[in-house]
Amino acid sequence: MQEFLRESQWLLWVAGALVLGLLELTALDFVFSMLVAGALAAALAAGLGFSFTVQAFVFTGVSLLGLLLVRPYLKRWAMRSNPDQPTNVDALTGRPALTLSVVDDRGGQVKLSGETWTARTADRGSRIDADVDVVVVRIEGATALVRAEQPAERPAEPHPQQHDPGAGDEPGRTPPPMEQ
């Protein structure tokens, strides 16, 4: 039995590396990845016939070097290639909503992302009527704090043209320019 363990130590290190790799898939923080590298280096040492003490030192040394030297670069790379995206409640801040009832600093309801939310005004003492577009300022618990949306500047409407009978009465046709 001892002979089998001595000859298959490398296989135990590889099995440990696989388990650590599965743990890394759940954490995605590169800690277990460095331990995987250490376990694979220890498996190599075991395959070359080194004692268990040497294997343990190889595992510890490679894991620590990876944690101290490689992991910071990997984390920076991961953060640069995948910037923080707000999710869940944080993603609702700044979103438009529609008031379903009168909303004041005591309560009300809004339609936000297809769902009905309880709401309060973000500004104390203000009141927003029903069927008004609002913007979510923040979420507190299960309540959306909202502020009335500022109406966008509309371009000036063109002056109505005087109708010249007989000149371009067909829809979609513009009258020819008048000669002087």
C-alpha atoms as a PDB file:
ATOM      1  CA  MET A   1       0.000   0.000   0.000  1.00  0.00           C
ATOM      2  CA  GLN A   2       2.815   2.412   0.869  1.00  0.00           C
ATOM      3  CA  GLU A   3       4.506   1.617  -2.407  1.00  0.00           C
ATOM      4  CA  PHE A   4       1.271   2.472  -4.277  1.00  0.00           C
ATOM      5  CA  LEU A   5       0.982   5.838  -2.458  1.00  0.00           C
ATOM      6  CA  ARG A   6       4.618   6.641  -3.165  1.00  0.00           C
ATOM      7  CA  GLU A   7       4.215   5.868  -6.852  1.00  0.00           C
ATOM      8  CA  SER A   8       0.889   7.678  -7.251  1.00  0.00           C
ATOM      9  CA  GLN A   9       1.595  10.852  -5.261  1.00  0.00           C
ATOM     10  CA  TRP A  10       1.692  12.819  -8.513  1.00  0.00           C
ATOM     11  CA  LEU A  11      -1.821  11.592  -9.263  1.00  0.00           C
ATOM     12  CA  LEU A  12      -3.062  12.838  -5.878  1.00  0.00           C
ATOM     13  CA  TRP A  13      -1.573  16.275  -6.581  1.00  0.00           C
ATOM     14  CA  VAL A  14      -3.295  16.350 -10.000  1.00  0.00           C
ATOM     15  CA  ALA A  15      -6.606  15.365  -8.375  1.00  0.00           C
ATOM     16  CA  GLY A  16      -6.115  18.159  -5.837  1.00  0.00           C
ATOM     17  CA  ALA A  17      -5.412  20.583  -8.686  1.00  0.00           C
ATOM     18  CA  LEU A  18      -8.671  19.568 -10.388  1.00  0.00           C
ATOM     19  CA  VAL A  19     -10.658  20.164  -7.188  1.00  0.00           C
ATOM     20  CA  LEU A  20      -8.968  23.551  -6.712  1.00  0.00           C
ATOM     21  CA  GLY A  21      -9.711  24.390 -10.347  1.00  0.00           C
ATOM     22  CA  LEU A  22     -13.400  23.688  -9.778  1.00  0.00           C
ATOM     23  CA  LEU A  23     -13.323  25.938  -6.718  1.00  0.00           C
ATOM     24  CA  GLU A  24     -11.742  28.684  -8.834  1.00  0.00           C
ATOM     25  CA  LEU A  25     -14.660  28.461 -11.243  1.00  0.00           C
ATOM     26  CA  THR A  26     -17.002  29.386  -8.389  1.00  0.00           C
ATOM     27  CA  ALA A  27     -14.815  32.167  -6.960  1.00  0.00           C
ATOM     28  CA  LEU A  28     -13.223  33.730 -10.094  1.00  0.00           C
ATOM     29  CA  ASP A  29     -10.703  35.557  -7.921  1.00  0.00           C
ATOM     30  CA  PHE A  30      -7.479  33.828  -9.082  1.00  0.00           C
ATOM     31  CA  VAL A  31      -6.621  32.581  -5.567  1.00  0.00           C
ATOM     32  CA  PHE A  32      -7.428  28.967  -6.312  1.00  0.00           C
ATOM     33  CA  SER A  33      -5.719  29.315  -9.696  1.00  0.00           C
ATOM     34  CA  MET A  34      -2.451  30.004  -7.931  1.00  0.00           C
ATOM     35  CA  LEU A  35      -3.031  26.966  -5.705  1.00  0.00           C
ATOM     36  CA  VAL A  36      -3.677  24.911  -8.864  1.00  0.00           C
ATOM     37  CA  ALA A  37      -0.286  26.021 -10.203  1.00  0.00           C
ATOM     38  CA  GLY A  38       1.318  25.002  -6.903  1.00  0.00           C
ATOM     39  CA  ALA A  39      -0.390  21.593  -6.949  1.00  0.00           C
ATOM     40  CA  LEU A  40       0.709  20.958 -10.540  1.00  0.00           C
ATOM     41  CA  ALA A  41       4.288  21.943  -9.678  1.00  0.00           C
ATOM     42  CA  ALA A  42       4.155  19.557  -6.692  1.00  0.00           C
ATOM     43  CA  ALA A  43       2.815  16.831  -9.012  1.00  0.00           C
ATOM     44  CA  LEU A  44       5.837  17.388 -11.241  1.00  0.00           C
ATOM     45  CA  ALA A  45       8.126  17.113  -8.219  1.00  0.00           C
ATOM     46  CA  ALA A  46       6.377  13.883  -7.198  1.00  0.00           C
ATOM     47  CA  GLY A  47       6.733  12.514 -10.732  1.00  0.00           C
ATOM     48  CA  LEU A  48      10.446  13.242 -10.620  1.00  0.00           C
ATOM     49  CA  GLY A  49      10.717  11.194  -7.406  1.00  0.00           C
ATOM     50  CA  PHE A  50      11.217  13.913  -4.774  1.00  0.00           C
ATOM     51  CA  SER A  51      10.080  13.271  -1.202  1.00  0.00           C
ATOM     52  CA  PHE A  52       6.760  14.483   0.150  1.00  0.00           C
ATOM     53  CA  THR A  53       8.558  17.213   2.124  1.00  0.00           C
ATOM     54  CA  VAL A  54      10.062  18.636  -1.070  1.00  0.00           C
ATOM     55  CA  GLN A  55       6.671  18.366  -2.780  1.00  0.00           C
ATOM     56  CA  ALA A  56       5.034  20.333   0.050  1.00  0.00           C
ATOM     57  CA  PHE A  57       7.717  23.044  -0.178  1.00  0.00           C
ATOM     58  CA  VAL A  58       7.270  23.231  -3.964  1.00  0.00           C
ATOM     59  CA  PHE A  59       3.493  23.521  -3.542  1.00  0.00           C
ATOM     60  CA  THR A  60       3.862  26.261  -0.920  1.00  0.00           C
ATOM     61  CA  GLY A  61       6.556  28.184  -2.807  1.00  0.00           C
ATOM     62  CA  VAL A  62       4.853  28.169  -6.202  1.00  0.00           C
ATOM     63  CA  SER A  63       1.471  29.052  -4.659  1.00  0.00           C
ATOM     64  CA  LEU A  64       2.923  31.974  -2.684  1.00  0.00           C
ATOM     65  CA  LEU A  65       4.860  33.299  -5.676  1.00  0.00           C
ATOM     66  CA  GLY A  66       1.724  33.086  -7.774  1.00  0.00           C
ATOM     67  CA  LEU A  67      -0.365  34.854  -5.132  1.00  0.00           C
ATOM     68  CA  LEU A  68       2.179  37.636  -4.650  1.00  0.00           C
ATOM     69  CA  LEU A  69       3.478  38.142  -8.185  1.00  0.00           C
ATOM     70  CA  VAL A  70       1.050  36.767 -10.786  1.00  0.00           C
ATOM     71  CA  ARG A  71      -2.394  37.253  -9.209  1.00  0.00           C
ATOM     72  CA  PRO A  72      -2.231  41.088  -9.019  1.00  0.00           C
ATOM     73  CA  TYR A  73      -1.534  41.278 -12.778  1.00  0.00           C
ATOM     74  CA  LEU A  74      -4.340  38.835 -13.541  1.00  0.00           C
ATOM     75  CA  LYS A  75      -6.795  40.812 -11.411  1.00  0.00           C
ATOM     76  CA  ARG A  76      -5.878  44.088 -13.141  1.00  0.00           C
ATOM     77  CA  TRP A  77      -6.281  42.425 -16.519  1.00  0.00           C
ATOM     78  CA  ALA A  78      -9.680  41.008 -15.556  1.00  0.00           C
ATOM     79  CA  MET A  79     -10.930  44.354 -14.247  1.00  0.00           C
ATOM     80  CA  ARG A  80      -9.704  46.199 -17.339  1.00  0.00           C
ATOM     81  CA  SER A  81     -11.317  43.753 -19.738  1.00  0.00           C
ATOM     82  CA  ASN A  82     -14.580  43.581 -17.765  1.00  0.00           C
ATOM     83  CA  PRO A  83     -15.451  46.929 -16.142  1.00  0.00           C
ATOM     84  CA  ASP A  84     -17.981  47.038 -13.341  1.00  0.00           C
ATOM     85  CA  GLN A  85     -21.521  46.934 -14.628  1.00  0.00           C
ATOM     86  CA  PRO A  86     -24.228  47.889 -12.178  1.00  0.00           C
ATOM     87  CA  THR A  87     -26.632  45.034 -11.565  1.00  0.00           C
ATOM     88  CA  ASN A  88     -29.841  44.386  -9.682  1.00  0.00           C
ATOM     89  CA  VAL A  89     -30.989  47.408  -7.683  1.00  0.00           C
ATOM     90  CA  ASP A  90     -27.910  49.467  -8.599  1.00  0.00           C
ATOM     91  CA  ALA A  91     -28.858  49.213 -12.283  1.00  0.00           C
ATOM     92  CA  LEU A  92     -32.207  50.933 -11.608  1.00  0.00           C
ATOM     93  CA  THR A  93     -30.656  54.252 -10.547  1.00  0.00           C
ATOM     94  CA  GLY A  94     -31.153  56.839 -13.292  1.00  0.00           C
ATOM     95  CA  ARG A  95     -33.837  54.824 -15.051  1.00  0.00           C
ATOM     96  CA  PRO A  96     -37.089  56.422 -16.196  1.00  0.00           C
ATOM     97  CA  ALA A  97     -40.351  55.463 -14.523  1.00  0.00           C
ATOM     98  CA  LEU A  98     -43.999  56.509 -14.727  1.00  0.00           C
ATOM     99  CA  THR A  99     -46.031  57.493 -11.681  1.00  0.00           C
ATOM    100  CA  LEU A 100     -49.150  55.359 -11.268  1.00  0.00           C
ATOM    101  CA  SER A 101     -50.501  57.423  -8.388  1.00  0.00           C
ATOM    102  CA  VAL A 102     -49.654  60.677  -6.663  1.00  0.00           C
ATOM    103  CA  VAL A 103     -46.137  60.368  -5.235  1.00  0.00           C
ATOM    104  CA  ASP A 104     -44.988  62.483  -2.304  1.00  0.00           C
ATOM    105  CA  ASP A 105     -42.483  62.077   0.517  1.00  0.00           C
ATOM    106  CA  ARG A 106     -44.866  59.656   2.264  1.00  0.00           C
ATOM    107  CA  GLY A 107     -45.487  57.247  -0.601  1.00  0.00           C
ATOM    108  CA  GLY A 108     -46.979  56.416  -3.955  1.00  0.00           C
ATOM    109  CA  GLN A 109     -46.453  53.963  -6.814  1.00  0.00           C
ATOM    110  CA  VAL A 110     -44.439  53.989 -10.022  1.00  0.00           C
ATOM    111  CA  LYS A 111     -44.038  51.648 -12.984  1.00  0.00           C
ATOM    112  CA  LEU A 112     -40.316  50.885 -13.196  1.00  0.00           C
ATOM    113  CA  SER A 113     -38.884  48.397 -15.711  1.00  0.00           C
ATOM    114  CA  GLY A 114     -42.299  46.822 -16.170  1.00  0.00           C
ATOM    115  CA  GLU A 115     -42.888  46.344 -12.445  1.00  0.00           C
ATOM    116  CA  THR A 116     -44.927  48.297  -9.919  1.00  0.00           C
ATOM    117  CA  TRP A 117     -42.753  49.762  -7.152  1.00  0.00           C
ATOM    118  CA  THR A 118     -43.598  51.734  -4.055  1.00  0.00           C
ATOM    119  CA  ALA A 119     -42.085  55.171  -4.373  1.00  0.00           C
ATOM    120  CA  ARG A 120     -41.364  58.402  -2.539  1.00  0.00           C
ATOM    121  CA  THR A 121     -40.099  61.693  -3.823  1.00  0.00           C
ATOM    122  CA  ALA A 122     -36.395  62.277  -3.382  1.00  0.00           C
ATOM    123  CA  ASP A 123     -37.034  65.901  -2.414  1.00  0.00           C
ATOM    124  CA  ARG A 124     -38.861  66.398   0.881  1.00  0.00           C
ATOM    125  CA  GLY A 125     -42.119  68.249   0.582  1.00  0.00           C
ATOM    126  CA  SER A 126     -42.482  67.791  -3.161  1.00  0.00           C
ATOM    127  CA  ARG A 127     -45.419  66.117  -4.845  1.00  0.00           C
ATOM    128  CA  ILE A 128     -45.656  64.480  -8.270  1.00  0.00           C
ATOM    129  CA  ASP A 129     -49.023  63.784  -9.879  1.00  0.00           C
ATOM    130  CA  ALA A 130     -50.036  60.512 -11.524  1.00  0.00           C
ATOM    131  CA  ASP A 131     -48.993  59.795 -15.143  1.00  0.00           C
ATOM    132  CA  VAL A 132     -45.838  61.898 -14.889  1.00  0.00           C
ATOM    133  CA  ASP A 133     -42.436  60.757 -16.139  1.00  0.00           C
ATOM    134  CA  VAL A 134     -39.887  60.530 -13.329  1.00  0.00           C
ATOM    135  CA  VAL A 135     -36.285  59.428 -12.870  1.00  0.00           C
ATOM    136  CA  VAL A 136     -35.130  57.028 -10.153  1.00  0.00           C
ATOM    137  CA  VAL A 137     -32.610  58.783  -7.908  1.00  0.00           C
ATOM    138  CA  ARG A 138     -31.878  55.735  -5.723  1.00  0.00           C
ATOM    139  CA  ILE A 139     -33.472  52.650  -4.200  1.00  0.00           C
ATOM    140  CA  GLU A 140     -33.961  52.320  -0.440  1.00  0.00           C
ATOM    141  CA  GLY A 141     -35.048  48.807   0.446  1.00  0.00           C
ATOM    142  CA  ALA A 142     -38.069  48.143  -1.765  1.00  0.00           C
ATOM    143  CA  THR A 143     -38.871  51.815  -2.343  1.00  0.00           C
ATOM    144  CA  ALA A 144     -37.766  53.880  -5.331  1.00  0.00           C
ATOM    145  CA  LEU A 145     -36.868  57.494  -4.570  1.00  0.00           C
ATOM    146  CA  VAL A 146     -37.852  59.511  -7.631  1.00  0.00           C
ATOM    147  CA  ARG A 147     -37.652  63.033  -9.000  1.00  0.00           C
ATOM    148  CA  ALA A 148     -39.779  64.561 -11.747  1.00  0.00           C
ATOM    149  CA  GLU A 149     -38.047  64.344 -15.110  1.00  0.00           C
ATOM    150  CA  GLN A 150     -37.108  67.705 -16.574  1.00  0.00           C
ATOM    151  CA  PRO A 151     -38.906  68.200 -19.883  1.00  0.00           C
ATOM    152  CA  ALA A 152     -36.522  68.159 -22.803  1.00  0.00           C
ATOM    153  CA  GLU A 153     -36.171  71.315 -24.861  1.00  0.00           C
ATOM    154  CA  ARG A 154     -38.405  71.001 -27.895  1.00  0.00           C
ATOM    155  CA  PRO A 155     -37.389  72.603 -31.147  1.00  0.00           C
ATOM    156  CA  ALA A 156     -39.516  75.576 -32.079  1.00  0.00           C
ATOM    157  CA  GLU A 157     -42.494  74.520 -34.128  1.00  0.00           C
ATOM    158  CA  PRO A 158     -42.590  75.974 -37.632  1.00  0.00           C
ATOM    159  CA  HIS A 159     -45.168  78.642 -38.240  1.00  0.00           C
ATOM    160  CA  PRO A 160     -48.218  77.311 -40.027  1.00  0.00           C
ATOM    161  CA  GLN A 161     -48.083  78.139 -43.685  1.00  0.00           C
ATOM    162  CA  GLN A 162     -50.942  80.014 -45.229  1.00  0.00           C
ATOM    163  CA  HIS A 163     -52.881  77.869 -47.612  1.00  0.00           C
ATOM    164  CA  ASP A 164     -52.797  79.029 -51.209  1.00  0.00           C
ATOM    165  CA  PRO A 165     -55.813  77.499 -52.931  1.00  0.00           C
ATOM    166  CA  GLY A 166     -54.980  75.867 -56.206  1.00  0.00           C
ATOM    167  CA  ALA A 167     -51.245  75.623 -55.511  1.00  0.00           C
ATOM    168  CA  GLY A 168     -50.231  72.119 -54.508  1.00  0.00           C
ATOM    169  CA  ASP A 169     -53.527  70.842 -53.132  1.00  0.00           C
ATOM    170  CA  GLU A 170     -52.355  67.253 -53.505  1.00  0.00           C
ATOM    171  CA  PRO A 171     -51.070  65.655 -50.318  1.00  0.00           C
ATOM    172  CA  GLY A 172     -47.289  65.324 -50.175  1.00  0.00           C
ATOM    173  CA  ARG A 173     -46.767  67.795 -53.021  1.00  0.00           C
ATOM    174  CA  THR A 174     -45.182  71.166 -52.366  1.00  0.00           C
ATOM    175  CA  PRO A 175     -46.300  74.127 -54.424  1.00  0.00           C
ATOM    176  CA  PRO A 176     -43.861  75.540 -56.971  1.00  0.00           C
ATOM    177  CA  PRO A 177     -42.035  78.719 -55.994  1.00  0.00           C
ATOM    178  CA  MET A 178     -43.866  81.913 -56.896  1.00  0.00           C
ATOM    179  CA  GLU A 179     -42.284  84.114 -59.545  1.00  0.00           C
ATOM    180  CA  GLN A 180     -42.183  87.862 -59.103  1.00  0.00           C
END
